[in-house]
Amino acid sequence: MAEWLRETSGAVSLTVHVQPGAKRSGIAGVHGDALRIRVAAPAVEGRANEALVALLAGRLGLPRSAIELKAGLASRRKQILVHGAAVDAVRRVLADPALG
């Protein structure tokens, strides 16, 4: 299993490295043991976090409420819990380079 993806009780845990202020939002591969995600929103007043949640929810076909920022609110490195999705489905959707 990918280092950035873990199954926990009742949720899927993601470790992500967020790059705010990017030219366009998308998944940009792996950064060490984290999934690198670029968001066009700036890291001001939580806008990058909101854009990250919206991007993940959209890609996974889940409501925003299913994506929980567990740690790293003010950091580029974040721990995210995805509720209501299977670990295999999350891996398949987020690891596909064609979706970036």
PDB file of N, CA and C in Angstrom:
ATOM      1  N   MET A   1       0.847  -1.184   0.000  1.00  0.00           N
ATOM      2  CA  MET A   1       0.000   0.000   0.000  1.00  0.00           C
ATOM      3  C   MET A   1       0.891   1.245   0.000  1.00  0.00           C
ATOM      4  N   ALA A   2       0.430   2.294  -0.599  1.00  0.00           N
ATOM      5  CA  ALA A   2       1.179   3.549  -0.659  1.00  0.00           C
ATOM      6  C   ALA A   2       1.403   4.100   0.746  1.00  0.00           C
ATOM      7  N   GLU A   3       2.558   4.718   0.957  1.00  0.00           N
ATOM      8  CA  GLU A   3       2.888   5.272   2.278  1.00  0.00           C
ATOM      9  C   GLU A   3       1.930   6.387   2.691  1.00  0.00           C
ATOM     10  N   TRP A   4       1.369   7.099   1.751  1.00  0.00           N
ATOM     11  CA  TRP A   4       0.509   8.242   2.045  1.00  0.00           C
ATOM     12  C   TRP A   4      -0.936   7.840   2.339  1.00  0.00           C
ATOM     13  N   LEU A   5      -1.225   6.559   2.236  1.00  0.00           N
ATOM     14  CA  LEU A   5      -2.594   6.069   2.346  1.00  0.00           C
ATOM     15  C   LEU A   5      -2.671   4.953   3.383  1.00  0.00           C
ATOM     16  N   ARG A   6      -3.568   5.093   4.356  1.00  0.00           N
ATOM     17  CA  ARG A   6      -3.744   4.081   5.390  1.00  0.00           C
ATOM     18  C   ARG A   6      -5.227   3.904   5.687  1.00  0.00           C
ATOM     19  N   GLU A   7      -5.573   2.692   6.029  1.00  0.00           N
ATOM     20  CA  GLU A   7      -6.943   2.417   6.442  1.00  0.00           C
ATOM     21  C   GLU A   7      -7.002   2.486   7.963  1.00  0.00           C
ATOM     22  N   THR A   8      -7.930   3.258   8.491  1.00  0.00           N
ATOM     23  CA  THR A   8      -8.128   3.357   9.934  1.00  0.00           C
ATOM     24  C   THR A   8      -9.537   2.870  10.237  1.00  0.00           C
ATOM     25  N   SER A   9      -9.883   2.839  11.478  1.00  0.00           N
ATOM     26  CA  SER A   9     -11.218   2.356  11.833  1.00  0.00           C
ATOM     27  C   SER A   9     -12.287   3.330  11.334  1.00  0.00           C
ATOM     28  N   GLY A  10     -13.031   2.905  10.342  1.00  0.00           N
ATOM     29  CA  GLY A  10     -14.136   3.699   9.836  1.00  0.00           C
ATOM     30  C   GLY A  10     -13.777   4.808   8.862  1.00  0.00           C
ATOM     31  N   ALA A  11     -12.500   4.930   8.487  1.00  0.00           N
ATOM     32  CA  ALA A  11     -12.096   6.006   7.574  1.00  0.00           C
ATOM     33  C   ALA A  11     -10.810   5.617   6.846  1.00  0.00           C
ATOM     34  N   VAL A  12     -10.462   6.418   5.872  1.00  0.00           N
ATOM     35  CA  VAL A  12      -9.198   6.285   5.169  1.00  0.00           C
ATOM     36  C   VAL A  12      -8.363   7.504   5.533  1.00  0.00           C
ATOM     37  N   SER A  13      -7.119   7.278   5.931  1.00  0.00           N
ATOM     38  CA  SER A  13      -6.227   8.361   6.331  1.00  0.00           C
ATOM     39  C   SER A  13      -5.259   8.676   5.198  1.00  0.00           C
ATOM     40  N   LEU A  14      -5.137   9.961   4.880  1.00  0.00           N
ATOM     41  CA  LEU A  14      -4.218  10.425   3.843  1.00  0.00           C
ATOM     42  C   LEU A  14      -3.194  11.368   4.451  1.00  0.00           C
ATOM     43  N   THR A  15      -1.960  11.258   4.015  1.00  0.00           N
ATOM     44  CA  THR A  15      -0.943  12.255   4.323  1.00  0.00           C
ATOM     45  C   THR A  15      -0.707  13.011   3.028  1.00  0.00           C
ATOM     46  N   VAL A  16      -0.915  14.323   3.059  1.00  0.00           N
ATOM     47  CA  VAL A  16      -0.760  15.123   1.846  1.00  0.00           C
ATOM     48  C   VAL A  16       0.216  16.269   2.073  1.00  0.00           C
ATOM     49  N   HIS A  17       0.882  16.656   1.003  1.00  0.00           N
ATOM     50  CA  HIS A  17       1.745  17.836   0.979  1.00  0.00           C
ATOM     51  C   HIS A  17       1.059  18.805   0.024  1.00  0.00           C
ATOM     52  N   VAL A  18       0.586  19.917   0.558  1.00  0.00           N
ATOM     53  CA  VAL A  18      -0.195  20.870  -0.233  1.00  0.00           C
ATOM     54  C   VAL A  18       0.691  21.996  -0.723  1.00  0.00           C
ATOM     55  N   GLN A  19       0.522  22.338  -1.984  1.00  0.00           N
ATOM     56  CA  GLN A  19       1.239  23.450  -2.600  1.00  0.00           C
ATOM     57  C   GLN A  19       0.210  24.522  -2.965  1.00  0.00           C
ATOM     58  N   PRO A  20       0.014  25.510  -2.074  1.00  0.00           N
ATOM     59  CA  PRO A  20      -0.978  26.556  -2.356  1.00  0.00           C
ATOM     60  C   PRO A  20      -0.468  27.563  -3.384  1.00  0.00           C
ATOM     61  N   GLY A  21      -1.383  28.282  -3.993  1.00  0.00           N
ATOM     62  CA  GLY A  21      -1.028  29.322  -4.954  1.00  0.00           C
ATOM     63  C   GLY A  21      -0.515  28.781  -6.270  1.00  0.00           C
ATOM     64  N   ALA A  22      -0.849  27.544  -6.598  1.00  0.00           N
ATOM     65  CA  ALA A  22      -0.398  26.934  -7.853  1.00  0.00           C
ATOM     66  C   ALA A  22      -1.165  27.528  -9.037  1.00  0.00           C
ATOM     67  N   LYS A  23      -0.623  27.335 -10.206  1.00  0.00           N
ATOM     68  CA  LYS A  23      -1.276  27.827 -11.418  1.00  0.00           C
ATOM     69  C   LYS A  23      -2.651  27.182 -11.597  1.00  0.00           C
ATOM     70  N   ARG A  24      -2.730  25.876 -11.289  1.00  0.00           N
ATOM     71  CA  ARG A  24      -4.015  25.180 -11.340  1.00  0.00           C
ATOM     72  C   ARG A  24      -4.019  24.074 -10.297  1.00  0.00           C
ATOM     73  N   SER A  25      -5.188  23.705  -9.869  1.00  0.00           N
ATOM     74  CA  SER A  25      -5.340  22.680  -8.837  1.00  0.00           C
ATOM     75  C   SER A  25      -5.275  21.293  -9.451  1.00  0.00           C
ATOM     76  N   GLY A  26      -4.708  20.359  -8.692  1.00  0.00           N
ATOM     77  CA  GLY A  26      -4.657  18.980  -9.145  1.00  0.00           C
ATOM     78  C   GLY A  26      -3.703  18.150  -8.314  1.00  0.00           C
ATOM     79  N   ILE A  27      -3.721  16.868  -8.562  1.00  0.00           N
ATOM     80  CA  ILE A  27      -2.837  15.942  -7.879  1.00  0.00           C
ATOM     81  C   ILE A  27      -1.550  15.885  -8.672  1.00  0.00           C
ATOM     82  N   ALA A  28      -0.425  16.043  -7.969  1.00  0.00           N
ATOM     83  CA  ALA A  28       0.866  16.182  -8.649  1.00  0.00           C
ATOM     84  C   ALA A  28       1.831  15.053  -8.323  1.00  0.00           C
ATOM     85  N   GLY A  29       1.344  13.911  -7.876  1.00  0.00           N
ATOM     86  CA  GLY A  29       2.219  12.782  -7.618  1.00  0.00           C
ATOM     87  C   GLY A  29       2.537  12.625  -6.147  1.00  0.00           C
ATOM     88  N   VAL A  30       3.690  12.034  -5.875  1.00  0.00           N
ATOM     89  CA  VAL A  30       4.089  11.732  -4.507  1.00  0.00           C
ATOM     90  C   VAL A  30       5.268  12.600  -4.121  1.00  0.00           C
ATOM     91  N   HIS A  31       5.261  13.077  -2.882  1.00  0.00           N
ATOM     92  CA  HIS A  31       6.331  13.911  -2.321  1.00  0.00           C
ATOM     93  C   HIS A  31       6.805  13.204  -1.052  1.00  0.00           C
ATOM     94  N   GLY A  32       7.870  12.404  -1.164  1.00  0.00           N
ATOM     95  CA  GLY A  32       8.319  11.607  -0.028  1.00  0.00           C
ATOM     96  C   GLY A  32       7.263  10.587   0.347  1.00  0.00           C
ATOM     97  N   ASP A  33       6.755  10.671   1.565  1.00  0.00           N
ATOM     98  CA  ASP A  33       5.710   9.741   2.011  1.00  0.00           C
ATOM     99  C   ASP A  33       4.334  10.396   2.005  1.00  0.00           C
ATOM    100  N   ALA A  34       4.168  11.444   1.205  1.00  0.00           N
ATOM    101  CA  ALA A  34       2.891  12.162   1.137  1.00  0.00           C
ATOM    102  C   ALA A  34       2.453  12.323  -0.317  1.00  0.00           C
ATOM    103  N   LEU A  35       1.152  12.430  -0.507  1.00  0.00           N
ATOM    104  CA  LEU A  35       0.590  12.724  -1.821  1.00  0.00           C
ATOM    105  C   LEU A  35       0.658  14.229  -2.028  1.00  0.00           C
ATOM    106  N   ARG A  36       1.287  14.671  -3.113  1.00  0.00           N
ATOM    107  CA  ARG A  36       1.404  16.110  -3.381  1.00  0.00           C
ATOM    108  C   ARG A  36       0.164  16.581  -4.127  1.00  0.00           C
ATOM    109  N   ILE A  37      -0.455  17.631  -3.581  1.00  0.00           N
ATOM    110  CA  ILE A  37      -1.653  18.210  -4.193  1.00  0.00           C
ATOM    111  C   ILE A  37      -1.437  19.704  -4.343  1.00  0.00           C
ATOM    112  N   ARG A  38      -1.649  20.199  -5.539  1.00  0.00           N
ATOM    113  CA  ARG A  38      -1.550  21.641  -5.806  1.00  0.00           C
ATOM    114  C   ARG A  38      -2.951  22.239  -5.772  1.00  0.00           C
ATOM    115  N   VAL A  39      -3.056  23.402  -5.130  1.00  0.00           N
ATOM    116  CA  VAL A  39      -4.330  24.127  -5.138  1.00  0.00           C
ATOM    117  C   VAL A  39      -4.058  25.558  -5.586  1.00  0.00           C
ATOM    118  N   ALA A  40      -4.958  26.085  -6.389  1.00  0.00           N
ATOM    119  CA  ALA A  40      -4.782  27.434  -6.917  1.00  0.00           C
ATOM    120  C   ALA A  40      -5.030  28.500  -5.857  1.00  0.00           C
ATOM    121  N   ALA A  41      -5.771  28.167  -4.839  1.00  0.00           N
ATOM    122  CA  ALA A  41      -6.101  29.138  -3.785  1.00  0.00           C
ATOM    123  C   ALA A  41      -4.861  29.478  -2.963  1.00  0.00           C
ATOM    124  N   PRO A  42      -4.766  30.723  -2.512  1.00  0.00           N
ATOM    125  CA  PRO A  42      -3.635  31.113  -1.660  1.00  0.00           C
ATOM    126  C   PRO A  42      -3.812  30.587  -0.233  1.00  0.00           C
ATOM    127  N   ALA A  43      -2.702  30.520   0.480  1.00  0.00           N
ATOM    128  CA  ALA A  43      -2.727  30.067   1.879  1.00  0.00           C
ATOM    129  C   ALA A  43      -3.074  31.240   2.792  1.00  0.00           C
ATOM    130  N   VAL A  44      -4.239  31.813   2.580  1.00  0.00           N
ATOM    131  CA  VAL A  44      -4.701  32.971   3.344  1.00  0.00           C
ATOM    132  C   VAL A  44      -6.103  32.670   3.865  1.00  0.00           C
ATOM    133  N   GLU A  45      -6.297  32.868   5.159  1.00  0.00           N
ATOM    134  CA  GLU A  45      -7.619  32.722   5.782  1.00  0.00           C
ATOM    135  C   GLU A  45      -8.290  31.378   5.483  1.00  0.00           C
ATOM    136  N   GLY A  46      -7.516  30.323   5.400  1.00  0.00           N
ATOM    137  CA  GLY A  46      -8.065  28.986   5.206  1.00  0.00           C
ATOM    138  C   GLY A  46      -8.521  28.663   3.802  1.00  0.00           C
ATOM    139  N   ARG A  47      -8.237  29.542   2.850  1.00  0.00           N
ATOM    140  CA  ARG A  47      -8.720  29.303   1.479  1.00  0.00           C
ATOM    141  C   ARG A  47      -8.086  28.072   0.846  1.00  0.00           C
ATOM    142  N   ALA A  48      -6.795  27.848   1.101  1.00  0.00           N
ATOM    143  CA  ALA A  48      -6.125  26.667   0.538  1.00  0.00           C
ATOM    144  C   ALA A  48      -6.713  25.385   1.130  1.00  0.00           C
ATOM    145  N   ASN A  49      -7.013  25.392   2.421  1.00  0.00           N
ATOM    146  CA  ASN A  49      -7.631  24.225   3.051  1.00  0.00           C
ATOM    147  C   ASN A  49      -9.010  23.954   2.458  1.00  0.00           C
ATOM    148  N   GLU A  50      -9.789  24.998   2.256  1.00  0.00           N
ATOM    149  CA  GLU A  50     -11.116  24.842   1.650  1.00  0.00           C
ATOM    150  C   GLU A  50     -11.002  24.279   0.231  1.00  0.00           C
ATOM    151  N   ALA A  51     -10.028  24.771  -0.526  1.00  0.00           N
ATOM    152  CA  ALA A  51      -9.824  24.287  -1.892  1.00  0.00           C
ATOM    153  C   ALA A  51      -9.379  22.823  -1.886  1.00  0.00           C
ATOM    154  N   LEU A  52      -8.554  22.450  -0.927  1.00  0.00           N
ATOM    155  CA  LEU A  52      -8.105  21.064  -0.804  1.00  0.00           C
ATOM    156  C   LEU A  52      -9.282  20.138  -0.518  1.00  0.00           C
ATOM    157  N   VAL A  53     -10.119  20.509   0.430  1.00  0.00           N
ATOM    158  CA  VAL A  53     -11.295  19.697   0.762  1.00  0.00           C
ATOM    159  C   VAL A  53     -12.220  19.581  -0.446  1.00  0.00           C
ATOM    160  N   ALA A  54     -12.450  20.680  -1.139  1.00  0.00           N
ATOM    161  CA  ALA A  54     -13.322  20.658  -2.325  1.00  0.00           C
ATOM    162  C   ALA A  54     -12.737  19.771  -3.418  1.00  0.00           C
ATOM    163  N   LEU A  55     -11.431  19.848  -3.630  1.00  0.00           N
ATOM    164  CA  LEU A  55     -10.781  19.038  -4.659  1.00  0.00           C
ATOM    165  C   LEU A  55     -10.915  17.549  -4.335  1.00  0.00           C
ATOM    166  N   LEU A  56     -10.593  17.174  -3.097  1.00  0.00           N
ATOM    167  CA  LEU A  56     -10.682  15.768  -2.713  1.00  0.00           C
ATOM    168  C   LEU A  56     -12.114  15.257  -2.773  1.00  0.00           C
ATOM    169  N   ALA A  57     -13.052  16.039  -2.271  1.00  0.00           N
ATOM    170  CA  ALA A  57     -14.463  15.628  -2.306  1.00  0.00           C
ATOM    171  C   ALA A  57     -14.937  15.441  -3.743  1.00  0.00           C
ATOM    172  N   GLY A  58     -14.565  16.358  -4.609  1.00  0.00           N
ATOM    173  CA  GLY A  58     -14.960  16.260  -6.018  1.00  0.00           C
ATOM    174  C   GLY A  58     -14.373  15.037  -6.701  1.00  0.00           C
ATOM    175  N   ARG A  59     -13.095  14.801  -6.495  1.00  0.00           N
ATOM    176  CA  ARG A  59     -12.444  13.648  -7.123  1.00  0.00           C
ATOM    177  C   ARG A  59     -13.007  12.327  -6.622  1.00  0.00           C
ATOM    178  N   LEU A  60     -13.327  12.277  -5.330  1.00  0.00           N
ATOM    179  CA  LEU A  60     -13.807  11.031  -4.733  1.00  0.00           C
ATOM    180  C   LEU A  60     -15.318  10.872  -4.835  1.00  0.00           C
ATOM    181  N   GLY A  61     -16.015  11.908  -5.307  1.00  0.00           N
ATOM    182  CA  GLY A  61     -17.467  11.834  -5.430  1.00  0.00           C
ATOM    183  C   GLY A  61     -18.165  11.781  -4.090  1.00  0.00           C
ATOM    184  N   LEU A  62     -17.614  12.488  -3.119  1.00  0.00           N
ATOM    185  CA  LEU A  62     -18.164  12.516  -1.767  1.00  0.00           C
ATOM    186  C   LEU A  62     -18.551  13.938  -1.399  1.00  0.00           C
ATOM    187  N   PRO A  63     -19.435  14.107  -0.412  1.00  0.00           N
ATOM    188  CA  PRO A  63     -19.723  15.466   0.067  1.00  0.00           C
ATOM    189  C   PRO A  63     -18.521  16.011   0.822  1.00  0.00           C
ATOM    190  N   ARG A  64     -18.401  17.314   0.879  1.00  0.00           N
ATOM    191  CA  ARG A  64     -17.278  17.944   1.601  1.00  0.00           C
ATOM    192  C   ARG A  64     -17.237  17.508   3.061  1.00  0.00           C
ATOM    193  N   SER A  65     -18.382  17.231   3.628  1.00  0.00           N
ATOM    194  CA  SER A  65     -18.429  16.827   5.038  1.00  0.00           C
ATOM    195  C   SER A  65     -17.749  15.479   5.278  1.00  0.00           C
ATOM    196  N   ALA A  66     -17.495  14.703   4.227  1.00  0.00           N
ATOM    197  CA  ALA A  66     -16.815  13.415   4.364  1.00  0.00           C
ATOM    198  C   ALA A  66     -15.304  13.564   4.449  1.00  0.00           C
ATOM    199  N   ILE A  67     -14.789  14.765   4.175  1.00  0.00           N
ATOM    200  CA  ILE A  67     -13.352  15.034   4.212  1.00  0.00           C
ATOM    201  C   ILE A  67     -13.050  15.838   5.469  1.00  0.00           C
ATOM    202  N   GLU A  68     -12.211  15.286   6.333  1.00  0.00           N
ATOM    203  CA  GLU A  68     -11.891  15.922   7.617  1.00  0.00           C
ATOM    204  C   GLU A  68     -10.391  16.217   7.705  1.00  0.00           C
ATOM    205  N   LEU A  69     -10.043  17.491   7.895  1.00  0.00           N
ATOM    206  CA  LEU A  69      -8.655  17.861   8.135  1.00  0.00           C
ATOM    207  C   LEU A  69      -8.340  17.560   9.588  1.00  0.00           C
ATOM    208  N   LYS A  70      -7.573  16.522   9.816  1.00  0.00           N
ATOM    209  CA  LYS A  70      -7.298  16.059  11.169  1.00  0.00           C
ATOM    210  C   LYS A  70      -6.102  16.782  11.790  1.00  0.00           C
ATOM    211  N   ALA A  71      -5.089  17.109  10.999  1.00  0.00           N
ATOM    212  CA  ALA A  71      -3.887  17.776  11.518  1.00  0.00           C
ATOM    213  C   ALA A  71      -3.245  18.581  10.404  1.00  0.00           C
ATOM    214  N   GLY A  72      -2.555  19.652  10.787  1.00  0.00           N
ATOM    215  CA  GLY A  72      -1.812  20.453   9.818  1.00  0.00           C
ATOM    216  C   GLY A  72      -2.586  21.600   9.212  1.00  0.00           C
ATOM    217  N   LEU A  73      -3.512  22.178   9.943  1.00  0.00           N
ATOM    218  CA  LEU A  73      -4.320  23.277   9.392  1.00  0.00           C
ATOM    219  C   LEU A  73      -3.464  24.429   8.870  1.00  0.00           C
ATOM    220  N   ALA A  74      -2.355  24.725   9.526  1.00  0.00           N
ATOM    221  CA  ALA A  74      -1.502  25.845   9.121  1.00  0.00           C
ATOM    222  C   ALA A  74      -0.192  25.368   8.508  1.00  0.00           C
ATOM    223  N   SER A  75      -0.148  24.138   8.070  1.00  0.00           N
ATOM    224  CA  SER A  75       1.070  23.548   7.526  1.00  0.00           C
ATOM    225  C   SER A  75       0.823  23.034   6.116  1.00  0.00           C
ATOM    226  N   ARG A  76       1.889  22.872   5.348  1.00  0.00           N
ATOM    227  CA  ARG A  76       1.736  22.259   4.026  1.00  0.00           C
ATOM    228  C   ARG A  76       1.460  20.770   4.149  1.00  0.00           C
ATOM    229  N   ARG A  77       1.995  20.153   5.180  1.00  0.00           N
ATOM    230  CA  ARG A  77       1.794  18.718   5.410  1.00  0.00           C
ATOM    231  C   ARG A  77       0.546  18.539   6.270  1.00  0.00           C
ATOM    232  N   LYS A  78      -0.396  17.751   5.766  1.00  0.00           N
ATOM    233  CA  LYS A  78      -1.685  17.605   6.437  1.00  0.00           C
ATOM    234  C   LYS A  78      -2.066  16.136   6.558  1.00  0.00           C
ATOM    235  N   GLN A  79      -2.805  15.829   7.607  1.00  0.00           N
ATOM    236  CA  GLN A  79      -3.418  14.517   7.782  1.00  0.00           C
ATOM    237  C   GLN A  79      -4.910  14.688   7.531  1.00  0.00           C
ATOM    238  N   ILE A  80      -5.431  13.865   6.656  1.00  0.00           N
ATOM    239  CA  ILE A  80      -6.834  13.974   6.260  1.00  0.00           C
ATOM    240  C   ILE A  80      -7.512  12.634   6.470  1.00  0.00           C
ATOM    241  N   LEU A  81      -8.726  12.675   6.987  1.00  0.00           N
ATOM    242  CA  LEU A  81      -9.553  11.483   7.097  1.00  0.00           C
ATOM    243  C   LEU A  81     -10.667  11.576   6.066  1.00  0.00           C
ATOM    244  N   VAL A  82     -10.857  10.496   5.334  1.00  0.00           N
ATOM    245  CA  VAL A  82     -11.933  10.405   4.345  1.00  0.00           C
ATOM    246  C   VAL A  82     -12.934   9.395   4.878  1.00  0.00           C
ATOM    247  N   HIS A  83     -14.135   9.855   5.150  1.00  0.00           N
ATOM    248  CA  HIS A  83     -15.188   8.999   5.687  1.00  0.00           C
ATOM    249  C   HIS A  83     -16.097   8.532   4.541  1.00  0.00           C
ATOM    250  N   GLY A  84     -16.516   7.288   4.608  1.00  0.00           N
ATOM    251  CA  GLY A  84     -17.487   6.780   3.642  1.00  0.00           C
ATOM    252  C   GLY A  84     -16.902   6.342   2.319  1.00  0.00           C
ATOM    253  N   ALA A  85     -15.619   5.988   2.311  1.00  0.00           N
ATOM    254  CA  ALA A  85     -14.992   5.516   1.078  1.00  0.00           C
ATOM    255  C   ALA A  85     -14.080   4.339   1.401  1.00  0.00           C
ATOM    256  N   ALA A  86     -13.957   3.429   0.467  1.00  0.00           N
ATOM    257  CA  ALA A  86     -13.079   2.275   0.636  1.00  0.00           C
ATOM    258  C   ALA A  86     -11.651   2.668   0.263  1.00  0.00           C
ATOM    259  N   VAL A  87     -10.694   2.088   0.953  1.00  0.00           N
ATOM    260  CA  VAL A  87      -9.293   2.423   0.722  1.00  0.00           C
ATOM    261  C   VAL A  87      -8.880   2.129  -0.717  1.00  0.00           C
ATOM    262  N   ASP A  88      -9.378   1.050  -1.300  1.00  0.00           N
ATOM    263  CA  ASP A  88      -9.030   0.722  -2.686  1.00  0.00           C
ATOM    264  C   ASP A  88      -9.560   1.760  -3.667  1.00  0.00           C
ATOM    265  N   ALA A  89     -10.767   2.249  -3.419  1.00  0.00           N
ATOM    266  CA  ALA A  89     -11.348   3.275  -4.286  1.00  0.00           C
ATOM    267  C   ALA A  89     -10.569   4.579  -4.183  1.00  0.00           C
ATOM    268  N   VAL A  90     -10.179   4.957  -2.970  1.00  0.00           N
ATOM    269  CA  VAL A  90      -9.401   6.183  -2.783  1.00  0.00           C
ATOM    270  C   VAL A  90      -8.069   6.065  -3.496  1.00  0.00           C
ATOM    271  N   ARG A  91      -7.392   4.939  -3.335  1.00  0.00           N
ATOM    272  CA  ARG A  91      -6.098   4.735  -3.998  1.00  0.00           C
ATOM    273  C   ARG A  91      -6.246   4.814  -5.510  1.00  0.00           C
ATOM    274  N   ARG A  92      -7.251   4.145  -6.030  1.00  0.00           N
ATOM    275  CA  ARG A  92      -7.454   4.103  -7.481  1.00  0.00           C
ATOM    276  C   ARG A  92      -7.710   5.509  -8.042  1.00  0.00           C
ATOM    277  N   VAL A  93      -8.556   6.282  -7.386  1.00  0.00           N
ATOM    278  CA  VAL A  93      -8.901   7.617  -7.883  1.00  0.00           C
ATOM    279  C   VAL A  93      -7.745   8.604  -7.723  1.00  0.00           C
ATOM    280  N   LEU A  94      -7.104   8.616  -6.565  1.00  0.00           N
ATOM    281  CA  LEU A  94      -6.081   9.633  -6.306  1.00  0.00           C
ATOM    282  C   LEU A  94      -4.723   9.287  -6.893  1.00  0.00           C
ATOM    283  N   ALA A  95      -4.423   8.022  -7.112  1.00  0.00           N
ATOM    284  CA  ALA A  95      -3.125   7.646  -7.636  1.00  0.00           C
ATOM    285  C   ALA A  95      -3.091   7.636  -9.169  1.00  0.00           C
ATOM    286  N   ASP A  96      -4.220   7.850  -9.825  1.00  0.00           N
ATOM    287  CA  ASP A  96      -4.279   7.844 -11.283  1.00  0.00           C
ATOM    288  C   ASP A  96      -3.721   9.142 -11.829  1.00  0.00           C
ATOM    289  N   PRO A  97      -2.557   9.103 -12.522  1.00  0.00           N
ATOM    290  CA  PRO A  97      -1.950  10.340 -13.034  1.00  0.00           C
ATOM    291  C   PRO A  97      -2.817  11.069 -14.055  1.00  0.00           C
ATOM    292  N   ALA A  98      -3.724  10.375 -14.712  1.00  0.00           N
ATOM    293  CA  ALA A  98      -4.588  11.017 -15.694  1.00  0.00           C
ATOM    294  C   ALA A  98      -5.567  11.982 -15.037  1.00  0.00           C
ATOM    295  N   LEU A  99      -5.779  11.842 -13.732  1.00  0.00           N
ATOM    296  CA  LEU A  99      -6.715  12.715 -13.029  1.00  0.00           C
ATOM    297  C   LEU A  99      -6.062  13.985 -12.535  1.00  0.00           C
ATOM    298  N   GLY A 100      -4.741  14.060 -12.548  1.00  0.00           N
ATOM    299  CA  GLY A 100      -4.019  15.203 -11.993  1.00  0.00           C
ATOM    300  C   GLY A 100      -4.418  16.477 -12.609  1.00  0.00           C
TER     301      GLY A 100
END
